[in-house]
PDB file of N, CA and C in Angstrom:
ATOM      1  N   MET A   1     160.763 -16.194  59.920  1.00  0.00           N
ATOM      2  CA  MET A   1     161.237 -15.564  58.730  1.00  0.00           C
ATOM      3  C   MET A   1     162.125 -16.509  57.947  1.00  0.00           C
ATOM      4  N   GLU A   2     162.857 -17.281  58.668  1.00  0.00           N
ATOM      5  CA  GLU A   2     163.694 -18.259  58.014  1.00  0.00           C
ATOM      6  C   GLU A   2     162.840 -19.278  57.280  1.00  0.00           C
ATOM      7  N   ASN A   3     161.703 -19.638  57.885  1.00  0.00           N
ATOM      8  CA  ASN A   3     160.767 -20.544  57.229  1.00  0.00           C
ATOM      9  C   ASN A   3     160.236 -19.914  55.942  1.00  0.00           C
ATOM     10  N   ALA A   4     159.982 -18.636  55.969  1.00  0.00           N
ATOM     11  CA  ALA A   4     159.471 -17.935  54.791  1.00  0.00           C
ATOM     12  C   ALA A   4     160.502 -17.968  53.680  1.00  0.00           C
ATOM     13  N   ILE A   5     161.765 -17.815  54.019  1.00  0.00           N
ATOM     14  CA  ILE A   5     162.835 -17.863  53.016  1.00  0.00           C
ATOM     15  C   ILE A   5     162.950 -19.271  52.468  1.00  0.00           C
ATOM     16  N   LEU A   6     162.867 -20.262  53.339  1.00  0.00           N
ATOM     17  CA  LEU A   6     162.965 -21.644  52.901  1.00  0.00           C
ATOM     18  C   LEU A   6     161.745 -22.037  52.057  1.00  0.00           C
ATOM     19  N   LEU A   7     160.559 -21.565  52.444  1.00  0.00           N
ATOM     20  CA  LEU A   7     159.357 -21.872  51.681  1.00  0.00           C
ATOM     21  C   LEU A   7     159.329 -21.128  50.359  1.00  0.00           C
ATOM     22  N   SER A   8     159.812 -19.922  50.385  1.00  0.00           N
ATOM     23  CA  SER A   8     159.790 -19.160  49.141  1.00  0.00           C
ATOM     24  C   SER A   8     160.811 -19.702  48.166  1.00  0.00           C
ATOM     25  N   SER A   9     161.832 -20.300  48.648  1.00  0.00           N
ATOM     26  CA  SER A   9     162.864 -20.829  47.769  1.00  0.00           C
ATOM     27  C   SER A   9     162.324 -21.941  46.870  1.00  0.00           C
ATOM     28  N   PRO A  10     161.582 -22.952  47.351  1.00  0.00           N
ATOM     29  CA  PRO A  10     161.016 -23.956  46.459  1.00  0.00           C
ATOM     30  C   PRO A  10     159.982 -23.349  45.515  1.00  0.00           C
ATOM     31  N   VAL A  11     159.224 -22.362  45.994  1.00  0.00           N
ATOM     32  CA  VAL A  11     158.245 -21.694  45.126  1.00  0.00           C
ATOM     33  C   VAL A  11     158.974 -20.954  44.021  1.00  0.00           C
ATOM     34  N   GLU A  12     160.033 -20.272  44.389  1.00  0.00           N
ATOM     35  CA  GLU A  12     160.819 -19.548  43.377  1.00  0.00           C
ATOM     36  C   GLU A  12     161.423 -20.526  42.372  1.00  0.00           C
ATOM     37  N   VAL A  13     161.907 -21.644  42.845  1.00  0.00           N
ATOM     38  CA  VAL A  13     162.496 -22.659  41.965  1.00  0.00           C
ATOM     39  C   VAL A  13     161.422 -23.189  41.017  1.00  0.00           C
ATOM     40  N   THR A  14     160.229 -23.439  41.556  1.00  0.00           N
ATOM     41  CA  THR A  14     159.120 -23.948  40.740  1.00  0.00           C
ATOM     42  C   THR A  14     158.706 -22.920  39.694  1.00  0.00           C
ATOM     43  N   VAL A  15     158.582 -21.667  40.092  1.00  0.00           N
ATOM     44  CA  VAL A  15     158.199 -20.598  39.164  1.00  0.00           C
ATOM     45  C   VAL A  15     159.267 -20.453  38.077  1.00  0.00           C
ATOM     46  N   LYS A  16     160.517 -20.488  38.525  1.00  0.00           N
ATOM     47  CA  LYS A  16     161.620 -20.370  37.563  1.00  0.00           C
ATOM     48  C   LYS A  16     161.576 -21.531  36.572  1.00  0.00           C
ATOM     49  N   ALA A  17     161.319 -22.736  37.061  1.00  0.00           N
ATOM     50  CA  ALA A  17     161.230 -23.916  36.193  1.00  0.00           C
ATOM     51  C   ALA A  17     160.064 -23.777  35.218  1.00  0.00           C
ATOM     52  N   LEU A  18     158.919 -23.264  35.712  1.00  0.00           N
ATOM     53  CA  LEU A  18     157.761 -23.063  34.836  1.00  0.00           C
ATOM     54  C   LEU A  18     158.036 -22.006  33.770  1.00  0.00           C
ATOM     55  N   VAL A  19     158.735 -20.958  34.122  1.00  0.00           N
ATOM     56  CA  VAL A  19     159.092 -19.909  33.158  1.00  0.00           C
ATOM     57  C   VAL A  19     160.010 -20.485  32.091  1.00  0.00           C
ATOM     58  N   GLU A  20     160.993 -21.272  32.519  1.00  0.00           N
ATOM     59  CA  GLU A  20     161.905 -21.905  31.555  1.00  0.00           C
ATOM     60  C   GLU A  20     161.149 -22.876  30.653  1.00  0.00           C
ATOM     61  N   PHE A  21     160.230 -23.641  31.258  1.00  0.00           N
ATOM     62  CA  PHE A  21     159.437 -24.591  30.479  1.00  0.00           C
ATOM     63  C   PHE A  21     158.593 -23.855  29.438  1.00  0.00           C
ATOM     64  N   GLU A  22     157.970 -22.737  29.866  1.00  0.00           N
ATOM     65  CA  GLU A  22     157.149 -21.952  28.945  1.00  0.00           C
ATOM     66  C   GLU A  22     157.996 -21.393  27.814  1.00  0.00           C
ATOM     67  N   SER A  23     159.195 -20.940  28.153  1.00  0.00           N
ATOM     68  CA  SER A  23     160.113 -20.413  27.149  1.00  0.00           C
ATOM     69  C   SER A  23     160.489 -21.505  26.140  1.00  0.00           C
ATOM     70  N   GLU A  24     160.820 -22.691  26.646  1.00  0.00           N
ATOM     71  CA  GLU A  24     161.169 -23.805  25.769  1.00  0.00           C
ATOM     72  C   GLU A  24     159.962 -24.228  24.928  1.00  0.00           C
ATOM     73  N   LEU A  25     158.771 -24.192  25.515  1.00  0.00           N
ATOM     74  CA  LEU A  25     157.553 -24.532  24.794  1.00  0.00           C
ATOM     75  C   LEU A  25     157.305 -23.548  23.652  1.00  0.00           C
ATOM     76  N   ASP A  26     157.488 -22.245  23.938  1.00  0.00           N
ATOM     77  CA  ASP A  26     157.332 -21.229  22.886  1.00  0.00           C
ATOM     78  C   ASP A  26     158.358 -21.442  21.776  1.00  0.00           C
ATOM     79  N   MET A  27     159.601 -21.757  22.154  1.00  0.00           N
ATOM     80  CA  MET A  27     160.646 -21.993  21.165  1.00  0.00           C
ATOM     81  C   MET A  27     160.300 -23.222  20.316  1.00  0.00           C
ATOM     82  N   THR A  28     159.792 -24.273  20.950  1.00  0.00           N
ATOM     83  CA  THR A  28     159.402 -25.493  20.242  1.00  0.00           C
ATOM     84  C   THR A  28     158.236 -25.211  19.296  1.00  0.00           C
ATOM     85  N   LYS A  29     157.273 -24.398  19.744  1.00  0.00           N
ATOM     86  CA  LYS A  29     156.154 -24.015  18.882  1.00  0.00           C
ATOM     87  C   LYS A  29     156.659 -23.262  17.655  1.00  0.00           C
ATOM     88  N   GLY A  30     157.616 -22.373  17.863  1.00  0.00           N
ATOM     89  CA  GLY A  30     158.201 -21.617  16.743  1.00  0.00           C
ATOM     90  C   GLY A  30     158.912 -22.534  15.763  1.00  0.00           C
ATOM     91  N   GLU A  31     159.686 -23.484  16.302  1.00  0.00           N
ATOM     92  CA  GLU A  31     160.375 -24.444  15.436  1.00  0.00           C
ATOM     93  C   GLU A  31     159.375 -25.287  14.660  1.00  0.00           C
ATOM     94  N   ALA A  32     158.297 -25.698  15.321  1.00  0.00           N
ATOM     95  CA  ALA A  32     157.260 -26.492  14.660  1.00  0.00           C
ATOM     96  C   ALA A  32     156.610 -25.689  13.539  1.00  0.00           C
ATOM     97  N   LEU A  33     156.358 -24.423  13.795  1.00  0.00           N
ATOM     98  CA  LEU A  33     155.770 -23.555  12.775  1.00  0.00           C
ATOM     99  C   LEU A  33     156.722 -23.397  11.592  1.00  0.00           C
ATOM    100  N   ASP A  34     158.011 -23.184  11.875  1.00  0.00           N
ATOM    101  CA  ASP A  34     159.005 -23.073  10.806  1.00  0.00           C
ATOM    102  C   ASP A  34     159.081 -24.367   9.998  1.00  0.00           C
ATOM    103  N   THR A  35     159.058 -25.493  10.702  1.00  0.00           N
ATOM    104  CA  THR A  35     159.100 -26.793  10.024  1.00  0.00           C
ATOM    105  C   THR A  35     157.870 -26.977   9.145  1.00  0.00           C
ATOM    106  N   LYS A  36     156.718 -26.565   9.656  1.00  0.00           N
ATOM    107  CA  LYS A  36     155.474 -26.673   8.882  1.00  0.00           C
ATOM    108  C   LYS A  36     155.576 -25.832   7.612  1.00  0.00           C
ATOM    109  N   ARG A  37     156.067 -24.609   7.743  1.00  0.00           N
ATOM    110  CA  ARG A  37     156.218 -23.722   6.576  1.00  0.00           C
ATOM    111  C   ARG A  37     157.162 -24.346   5.549  1.00  0.00           C
ATOM    112  N   LYS A  38     158.278 -24.910   6.041  1.00  0.00           N
ATOM    113  CA  LYS A  38     159.250 -25.536   5.139  1.00  0.00           C
ATOM    114  C   LYS A  38     158.631 -26.740   4.439  1.00  0.00           C
ATOM    115  N   MET A  39     157.884 -27.536   5.171  1.00  0.00           N
ATOM    116  CA  MET A  39     157.243 -28.709   4.573  1.00  0.00           C
ATOM    117  C   MET A  39     156.235 -28.297   3.509  1.00  0.00           C
ATOM    118  N   ILE A  40     155.478 -27.252   3.786  1.00  0.00           N
ATOM    119  CA  ILE A  40     154.501 -26.758   2.803  1.00  0.00           C
ATOM    120  C   ILE A  40     155.229 -26.255   1.562  1.00  0.00           C
ATOM    121  N   LYS A  41     156.313 -25.506   1.770  1.00  0.00           N
ATOM    122  CA  LYS A  41     157.090 -24.987   0.638  1.00  0.00           C
ATOM    123  C   LYS A  41     157.676 -26.140  -0.178  1.00  0.00           C
ATOM    124  N   ASP A  42     158.234 -27.151   0.517  1.00  0.00           N
ATOM    125  CA  ASP A  42     158.791 -28.314  -0.177  1.00  0.00           C
ATOM    126  C   ASP A  42     157.709 -29.071  -0.944  1.00  0.00           C
ATOM    127  N   ALA A  43     156.536 -29.222  -0.327  1.00  0.00           N
ATOM    128  CA  ALA A  43     155.421 -29.918  -0.982  1.00  0.00           C
ATOM    129  C   ALA A  43     154.967 -29.154  -2.224  1.00  0.00           C
ATOM    130  N   GLU A  44     154.928 -27.836  -2.138  1.00  0.00           N
ATOM    131  CA  GLU A  44     154.556 -27.028  -3.303  1.00  0.00           C
ATOM    132  C   GLU A  44     155.572 -27.213  -4.420  1.00  0.00           C
ATOM    133  N   GLY A  45     156.853 -27.234  -4.051  1.00  0.00           N
ATOM    134  CA  GLY A  45     157.901 -27.438  -5.049  1.00  0.00           C
ATOM    135  C   GLY A  45     157.795 -28.799  -5.706  1.00  0.00           C
ATOM    136  N   LEU A  46     157.575 -29.833  -4.900  1.00  0.00           N
ATOM    137  CA  LEU A  46     157.418 -31.181  -5.450  1.00  0.00           C
ATOM    138  C   LEU A  46     156.178 -31.275  -6.330  1.00  0.00           C
ATOM    139  N   SER A  47     155.111 -30.629  -5.894  1.00  0.00           N
ATOM    140  CA  SER A  47     153.876 -30.624  -6.668  1.00  0.00           C
ATOM    141  C   SER A  47     154.077 -29.949  -8.025  1.00  0.00           C
ATOM    142  N   GLU A  48     154.769 -28.833  -8.012  1.00  0.00           N
ATOM    143  CA  GLU A  48     155.033 -28.105  -9.264  1.00  0.00           C
ATOM    144  C   GLU A  48     155.923 -28.934 -10.189  1.00  0.00           C
ATOM    145  N   ALA A  49     156.928 -29.598  -9.617  1.00  0.00           N
ATOM    146  CA  ALA A  49     157.816 -30.447 -10.419  1.00  0.00           C
ATOM    147  C   ALA A  49     157.034 -31.613 -11.027  1.00  0.00           C
ATOM    148  N   ALA A  50     156.155 -32.224 -10.233  1.00  0.00           N
ATOM    149  CA  ALA A  50     155.345 -33.338 -10.732  1.00  0.00           C
ATOM    150  C   ALA A  50     154.399 -32.861 -11.832  1.00  0.00           C
ATOM    151  N   LYS A  51     153.836 -31.690 -11.646  1.00  0.00           N
ATOM    152  CA  LYS A  51     152.931 -31.114 -12.651  1.00  0.00           C
ATOM    153  C   LYS A  51     153.680 -30.869 -13.955  1.00  0.00           C
ATOM    154  N   SER A  52     154.853 -30.272 -13.864  1.00  0.00           N
ATOM    155  CA  SER A  52     155.659 -29.994 -15.059  1.00  0.00           C
ATOM    156  C   SER A  52     156.040 -31.285 -15.765  1.00  0.00           C
ATOM    157  N   SER A  53     156.425 -32.283 -14.986  1.00  0.00           N
ATOM    158  CA  SER A  53     156.797 -33.575 -15.561  1.00  0.00           C
ATOM    159  C   SER A  53     155.610 -34.218 -16.267  1.00  0.00           C
ATOM    160  N   ALA A  54     154.448 -34.169 -15.640  1.00  0.00           N
ATOM    161  CA  ALA A  54     153.243 -34.759 -16.237  1.00  0.00           C
ATOM    162  C   ALA A  54     152.869 -34.039 -17.525  1.00  0.00           C
ATOM    163  N   ILE A  55     152.981 -32.724 -17.527  1.00  0.00           N
ATOM    164  CA  ILE A  55     152.667 -31.953 -18.736  1.00  0.00           C
ATOM    165  C   ILE A  55     153.643 -32.295 -19.849  1.00  0.00           C
ATOM    166  N   ALA A  56     154.926 -32.396 -19.518  1.00  0.00           N
ATOM    167  CA  ALA A  56     155.939 -32.731 -20.521  1.00  0.00           C
ATOM    168  C   ALA A  56     155.683 -34.117 -21.110  1.00  0.00           C
ATOM    169  N   LYS A  57     155.354 -35.086 -20.260  1.00  0.00           N
ATOM    170  CA  LYS A  57     155.062 -36.436 -20.743  1.00  0.00           C
ATOM    171  C   LYS A  57     153.820 -36.441 -21.626  1.00  0.00           C
ATOM    172  N   ALA A  58     152.792 -35.710 -21.214  1.00  0.00           N
ATOM    173  CA  ALA A  58     151.554 -35.644 -21.998  1.00  0.00           C
ATOM    174  C   ALA A  58     151.808 -35.007 -23.365  1.00  0.00           C
ATOM    175  N   GLN A  59     152.617 -33.957 -23.386  1.00  0.00           N
ATOM    176  CA  GLN A  59     152.945 -33.312 -24.657  1.00  0.00           C
ATOM    177  C   GLN A  59     153.736 -34.254 -25.557  1.00  0.00           C
ATOM    178  N   GLN A  60     154.671 -34.998 -24.973  1.00  0.00           N
ATOM    179  CA  GLN A  60     155.460 -35.944 -25.755  1.00  0.00           C
ATOM    180  C   GLN A  60     154.561 -37.037 -26.339  1.00  0.00           C
ATOM    181  N   GLN A  61     153.657 -37.564 -25.519  1.00  0.00           N
ATOM    182  CA  GLN A  61     152.732 -38.591 -26.000  1.00  0.00           C
ATOM    183  C   GLN A  61     151.835 -38.041 -27.098  1.00  0.00           C
ATOM    184  N   ALA A  62     151.375 -36.819 -26.924  1.00  0.00           N
ATOM    185  CA  ALA A  62     150.512 -36.198 -27.937  1.00  0.00           C
ATOM    186  C   ALA A  62     151.272 -36.027 -29.247  1.00  0.00           C
ATOM    187  N   GLN A  63     152.528 -35.600 -29.170  1.00  0.00           N
ATOM    188  CA  GLN A  63     153.338 -35.427 -30.380  1.00  0.00           C
ATOM    189  C   GLN A  63     153.575 -36.767 -31.074  1.00  0.00           C
ATOM    190  N   GLU A  64     153.855 -37.810 -30.280  1.00  0.00           N
ATOM    191  CA  GLU A  64     154.075 -39.136 -30.853  1.00  0.00           C
ATOM    192  C   GLU A  64     152.804 -39.661 -31.504  1.00  0.00           C
ATOM    193  N   THR A  65     151.671 -39.470 -30.836  1.00  0.00           N
ATOM    194  CA  THR A  65     150.392 -39.913 -31.392  1.00  0.00           C
ATOM    195  C   THR A  65     150.069 -39.150 -32.672  1.00  0.00           C
ATOM    196  N   LEU A  66     150.319 -37.857 -32.656  1.00  0.00           N
ATOM    197  CA  LEU A  66     150.071 -37.035 -33.841  1.00  0.00           C
ATOM    198  C   LEU A  66     150.968 -37.456 -34.996  1.00  0.00           C
ATOM    199  N   ALA A  67     152.246 -37.711 -34.725  1.00  0.00           N
ATOM    200  CA  ALA A  67     153.179 -38.133 -35.776  1.00  0.00           C
ATOM    201  C   ALA A  67     152.740 -39.471 -36.364  1.00  0.00           C
ATOM    202  N   LYS A  68     152.310 -40.389 -35.497  1.00  0.00           N
ATOM    203  CA  LYS A  68     151.852 -41.696 -35.962  1.00  0.00           C
ATOM    204  C   LYS A  68     150.592 -41.549 -36.820  1.00  0.00           C
ATOM    205  N   ALA A  69     149.655 -40.741 -36.351  1.00  0.00           N
ATOM    206  CA  ALA A  69     148.412 -40.515 -37.109  1.00  0.00           C
ATOM    207  C   ALA A  69     148.701 -39.862 -38.451  1.00  0.00           C
ATOM    208  N   ARG A  70     149.645 -38.902 -38.448  1.00  0.00           N
ATOM    209  CA  ARG A  70     150.011 -38.227 -39.698  1.00  0.00           C
ATOM    210  C   ARG A  70     150.620 -39.226 -40.680  1.00  0.00           C
ATOM    211  N   ALA A  71     151.517 -40.089 -40.199  1.00  0.00           N
ATOM    212  CA  ALA A  71     152.155 -41.088 -41.063  1.00  0.00           C
ATOM    213  C   ALA A  71     151.111 -42.051 -41.631  1.00  0.00           C
ATOM    214  N   GLU A  72     150.177 -42.488 -40.777  1.00  0.00           N
ATOM    215  CA  GLU A  72     149.120 -43.380 -41.248  1.00  0.00           C
ATOM    216  C   GLU A  72     148.233 -42.696 -42.284  1.00  0.00           C
ATOM    217  N   ALA A  73     147.899 -41.446 -42.045  1.00  0.00           N
ATOM    218  CA  ALA A  73     147.053 -40.697 -42.981  1.00  0.00           C
ATOM    219  C   ALA A  73     147.761 -40.517 -44.317  1.00  0.00           C
ATOM    220  N   GLU A  74     149.064 -40.216 -44.266  1.00  0.00           N
ATOM    221  CA  GLU A  74     149.817 -40.052 -45.503  1.00  0.00           C
ATOM    222  C   GLU A  74     149.904 -41.372 -46.266  1.00  0.00           C
ATOM    223  N   SER A  75     150.077 -42.468 -45.546  1.00  0.00           N
ATOM    224  CA  SER A  75     150.125 -43.791 -46.176  1.00  0.00           C
ATOM    225  C   SER A  75     148.786 -44.113 -46.837  1.00  0.00           C
ATOM    226  N   GLU A  76     147.706 -43.851 -46.113  1.00  0.00           N
ATOM    227  CA  GLU A  76     146.371 -44.087 -46.671  1.00  0.00           C
ATOM    228  C   GLU A  76     146.117 -43.199 -47.885  1.00  0.00           C
ATOM    229  N   ALA A  77     146.595 -41.959 -47.815  1.00  0.00           N
ATOM    230  CA  ALA A  77     146.414 -41.036 -48.946  1.00  0.00           C
ATOM    231  C   ALA A  77     147.179 -41.537 -50.164  1.00  0.00           C
ATOM    232  N   ASP A  78     148.400 -42.041 -49.955  1.00  0.00           N
ATOM    233  CA  ASP A  78     149.182 -42.587 -51.074  1.00  0.00           C
ATOM    234  C   ASP A  78     148.477 -43.796 -51.681  1.00  0.00           C
ATOM    235  N   THR A  79     147.963 -44.673 -50.831  1.00  0.00           N
ATOM    236  CA  THR A  79     147.250 -45.858 -51.324  1.00  0.00           C
ATOM    237  C   THR A  79     146.014 -45.448 -52.109  1.00  0.00           C
ATOM    238  N   THR A  80     145.268 -44.499 -51.582  1.00  0.00           N
ATOM    239  CA  THR A  80     144.062 -44.015 -52.259  1.00  0.00           C
ATOM    240  C   THR A  80     144.414 -43.375 -53.606  1.00  0.00           C
ATOM    241  N   ARG A  81     145.500 -42.585 -53.609  1.00  0.00           N
ATOM    242  CA  ARG A  81     145.932 -41.941 -54.862  1.00  0.00           C
ATOM    243  C   ARG A  81     146.323 -42.991 -55.903  1.00  0.00           C
ATOM    244  N   LYS A  82     147.083 -44.008 -55.475  1.00  0.00           N
ATOM    245  CA  LYS A  82     147.499 -45.065 -56.409  1.00  0.00           C
ATOM    246  C   LYS A  82     146.293 -45.835 -56.930  1.00  0.00           C
ATOM    247  N   ASN A  83     145.362 -46.160 -56.030  1.00  0.00           N
ATOM    248  CA  ASN A  83     144.142 -46.845 -56.465  1.00  0.00           C
ATOM    249  C   ASN A  83     143.344 -45.971 -57.427  1.00  0.00           C
ATOM    250  N   GLY A  84     143.307 -44.687 -57.159  1.00  0.00           N
ATOM    251  CA  GLY A  84     142.611 -43.751 -58.042  1.00  0.00           C
ATOM    252  C   GLY A  84     143.254 -43.696 -59.420  1.00  0.00           C
ATOM    253  N   GLU A  85     144.581 -43.706 -59.461  1.00  0.00           N
ATOM    254  CA  GLU A  85     145.291 -43.683 -60.745  1.00  0.00           C
ATOM    255  C   GLU A  85     144.991 -44.942 -61.557  1.00  0.00           C
ATOM    256  N   VAL A  86     144.974 -46.103 -60.875  1.00  0.00           N
ATOM    257  CA  VAL A  86     144.666 -47.367 -61.557  1.00  0.00           C
ATOM    258  C   VAL A  86     143.230 -47.332 -62.075  1.00  0.00           C
ATOM    259  N   SER A  87     142.312 -46.887 -61.234  1.00  0.00           N
ATOM    260  CA  SER A  87     140.906 -46.807 -61.649  1.00  0.00           C
ATOM    261  C   SER A  87     140.727 -45.832 -62.806  1.00  0.00           C
ATOM    262  N   LEU A  88     141.433 -44.713 -62.744  1.00  0.00           N
ATOM    263  CA  LEU A  88     141.336 -43.722 -63.816  1.00  0.00           C
ATOM    264  C   LEU A  88     141.845 -44.287 -65.131  1.00  0.00           C
ATOM    265  N   LYS A  89     142.957 -45.012 -65.097  1.00  0.00           N
ATOM    266  CA  LYS A  89     143.497 -45.616 -66.325  1.00  0.00           C
ATOM    267  C   LYS A  89     142.517 -46.629 -66.899  1.00  0.00           C
ATOM    268  N   SER A  90     141.910 -47.431 -66.034  1.00  0.00           N
ATOM    269  CA  SER A  90     140.925 -48.413 -66.494  1.00  0.00           C
ATOM    270  C   SER A  90     139.719 -47.700 -67.104  1.00  0.00           C
ATOM    271  N   PHE A  91     139.260 -46.652 -66.431  1.00  0.00           N
ATOM    272  CA  PHE A  91     138.112 -45.893 -66.914  1.00  0.00           C
ATOM    273  C   PHE A  91     138.428 -45.216 -68.246  1.00  0.00           C
ATOM    274  N   GLU A  92     139.623 -44.638 -68.371  1.00  0.00           N
ATOM    275  CA  GLU A  92     140.026 -43.992 -69.631  1.00  0.00           C
ATOM    276  C   GLU A  92     140.112 -45.020 -70.757  1.00  0.00           C
ATOM    277  N   ALA A  93     140.608 -46.222 -70.451  1.00  0.00           N
ATOM    278  CA  ALA A  93     140.683 -47.278 -71.466  1.00  0.00           C
ATOM    279  C   ALA A  93     139.280 -47.686 -71.907  1.00  0.00           C
ATOM    280  N   LEU A  94     138.374 -47.813 -70.951  1.00  0.00           N
ATOM    281  CA  LEU A  94     136.996 -48.166 -71.255  1.00  0.00           C
ATOM    282  C   LEU A  94     136.340 -47.076 -72.099  1.00  0.00           C
ATOM    283  N   ILE A  95     136.587 -45.818 -71.762  1.00  0.00           N
ATOM    284  CA  ILE A  95     136.027 -44.694 -72.538  1.00  0.00           C
ATOM    285  C   ILE A  95     136.578 -44.728 -73.959  1.00  0.00           C
ATOM    286  N   ALA A  96     137.882 -44.940 -74.085  1.00  0.00           N
ATOM    287  CA  ALA A  96     138.491 -44.971 -75.415  1.00  0.00           C
ATOM    288  C   ALA A  96     137.892 -46.104 -76.248  1.00  0.00           C
ATOM    289  N   LYS A  97     137.703 -47.280 -75.624  1.00  0.00           N
ATOM    290  CA  LYS A  97     137.132 -48.427 -76.323  1.00  0.00           C
ATOM    291  C   LYS A  97     135.704 -48.121 -76.772  1.00  0.00           C
ATOM    292  N   ARG A  98     134.907 -47.555 -75.867  1.00  0.00           N
ATOM    293  CA  ARG A  98     133.516 -47.227 -76.210  1.00  0.00           C
ATOM    294  C   ARG A  98     133.446 -46.085 -77.217  1.00  0.00           C
ATOM    295  N   LYS A  99     134.396 -45.157 -77.112  1.00  0.00           N
ATOM    296  CA  LYS A  99     134.433 -44.040 -78.064  1.00  0.00           C
ATOM    297  C   LYS A  99     134.730 -44.570 -79.462  1.00  0.00           C
ATOM    298  N   ALA A 100     135.676 -45.492 -79.534  1.00  0.00           N
ATOM    299  CA  ALA A 100     136.018 -46.082 -80.836  1.00  0.00           C
ATOM    300  C   ALA A 100     134.816 -46.841 -81.396  1.00  0.00           C
ATOM    301  N   LYS A 101     134.135 -47.601 -80.535  1.00  0.00           N
ATOM    302  CA  LYS A 101     132.966 -48.366 -80.964  1.00  0.00           C
ATOM    303  C   LYS A 101     131.845 -47.420 -81.388  1.00  0.00           C
ATOM    304  N   ALA A 102     131.650 -46.325 -80.619  1.00  0.00           N
ATOM    305  CA  ALA A 102     130.606 -45.359 -80.949  1.00  0.00           C
ATOM    306  C   ALA A 102     130.934 -44.668 -82.269  1.00  0.00           C
ATOM    307  N   THR A 103     132.204 -44.359 -82.465  1.00  0.00           N
ATOM    308  CA  THR A 103     132.612 -43.706 -83.710  1.00  0.00           C
ATOM    309  C   THR A 103     132.348 -44.629 -84.896  1.00  0.00           C
ATOM    310  N   GLU A 104     132.651 -45.900 -84.756  1.00  0.00           N
ATOM    311  CA  GLU A 104     132.385 -46.864 -85.828  1.00  0.00           C
ATOM    312  C   GLU A 104     130.893 -46.935 -86.123  1.00  0.00           C
ATOM    313  N   GLY A 105     130.091 -46.907 -85.080  1.00  0.00           N
ATOM    314  CA  GLY A 105     128.645 -46.965 -85.261  1.00  0.00           C
ATOM    315  C   GLY A 105     128.115 -45.735 -85.961  1.00  0.00           C
ATOM    316  N   VAL A 106     128.612 -44.561 -85.593  1.00  0.00           N
ATOM    317  CA  VAL A 106     128.170 -43.313 -86.221  1.00  0.00           C
ATOM    318  C   VAL A 106     128.594 -43.301 -87.683  1.00  0.00           C
ATOM    319  N   VAL A 107     129.807 -43.696 -87.965  1.00  0.00           N
ATOM    320  CA  VAL A 107     130.307 -43.719 -89.346  1.00  0.00           C
ATOM    321  C   VAL A 107     129.483 -44.707 -90.162  1.00  0.00           C
ATOM    322  N   ALA A 108     129.179 -45.840 -89.582  1.00  0.00           N
ATOM    323  CA  ALA A 108     128.396 -46.844 -90.308  1.00  0.00           C
ATOM    324  C   ALA A 108     127.006 -46.306 -90.628  1.00  0.00           C
ATOM    325  N   ARG A 109     126.390 -45.633 -89.707  1.00  0.00           N
ATOM    326  CA  ARG A 109     125.060 -45.062 -89.979  1.00  0.00           C
ATOM    327  C   ARG A 109     125.125 -43.983 -91.024  1.00  0.00           C
ATOM    328  N   LEU A 110     126.160 -43.160 -90.915  1.00  0.00           N
ATOM    329  CA  LEU A 110     126.301 -42.093 -91.916  1.00  0.00           C
ATOM    330  C   LEU A 110     126.523 -42.665 -93.315  1.00  0.00           C
ATOM    331  N   LEU A 111     127.172 -43.777 -93.373  1.00  0.00           N
ATOM    332  CA  LEU A 111     127.442 -44.405 -94.666  1.00  0.00           C
ATOM    333  C   LEU A 111     126.276 -45.297 -95.100  1.00  0.00           C
ATOM    334  N   GLY A 112     125.291 -45.402 -94.219  1.00  0.00           N
ATOM    335  CA  GLY A 112     124.115 -46.183 -94.555  1.00  0.00           C
ATOM    336  C   GLY A 112     124.264 -47.665 -94.325  1.00  0.00           C
ATOM    337  N   GLU A 113     125.267 -48.023 -93.632  1.00  0.00           N
ATOM    338  CA  GLU A 113     125.448 -49.443 -93.331  1.00  0.00           C
ATOM    339  C   GLU A 113     124.591 -49.805 -92.120  1.00  0.00           C
ATOM    340  N   THR A 114     124.022 -50.943 -92.100  1.00  0.00           N
ATOM    341  CA  THR A 114     123.250 -51.418 -90.975  1.00  0.00           C
ATOM    342  C   THR A 114     123.841 -52.716 -90.474  1.00  0.00           C
ATOM    343  N   HIS A 115     123.678 -52.913 -89.268  1.00  0.00           N
ATOM    344  CA  HIS A 115     124.218 -54.147 -88.685  1.00  0.00           C
ATOM    345  C   HIS A 115     123.143 -55.080 -88.341  1.00  0.00           C
TER     346      HIS A 115
END
């Protein structure tokens, strides 16, 4: 019987050690799961921050590009308008000159003058 007590004692110690090990293993698994959840949450937060930053930069670039294009278009429009005004003045001068010449020709014919 004494042998049974002595033999059962190492078995009990081993079982107790295995129970403690299993308990620690379960606790470690829980900590690992919590860490995984935290890492996923942190990654989602970083991803959202990066997305917001990228969108903000893209919007800023789009606004800058639009402002530049608008300024260029306005400059081109001013140049075109000025060129149009110069062309119109030249055309009006040419019309006036031809109108005067045509009027002289009509008056000369009406008066019976020939050239």
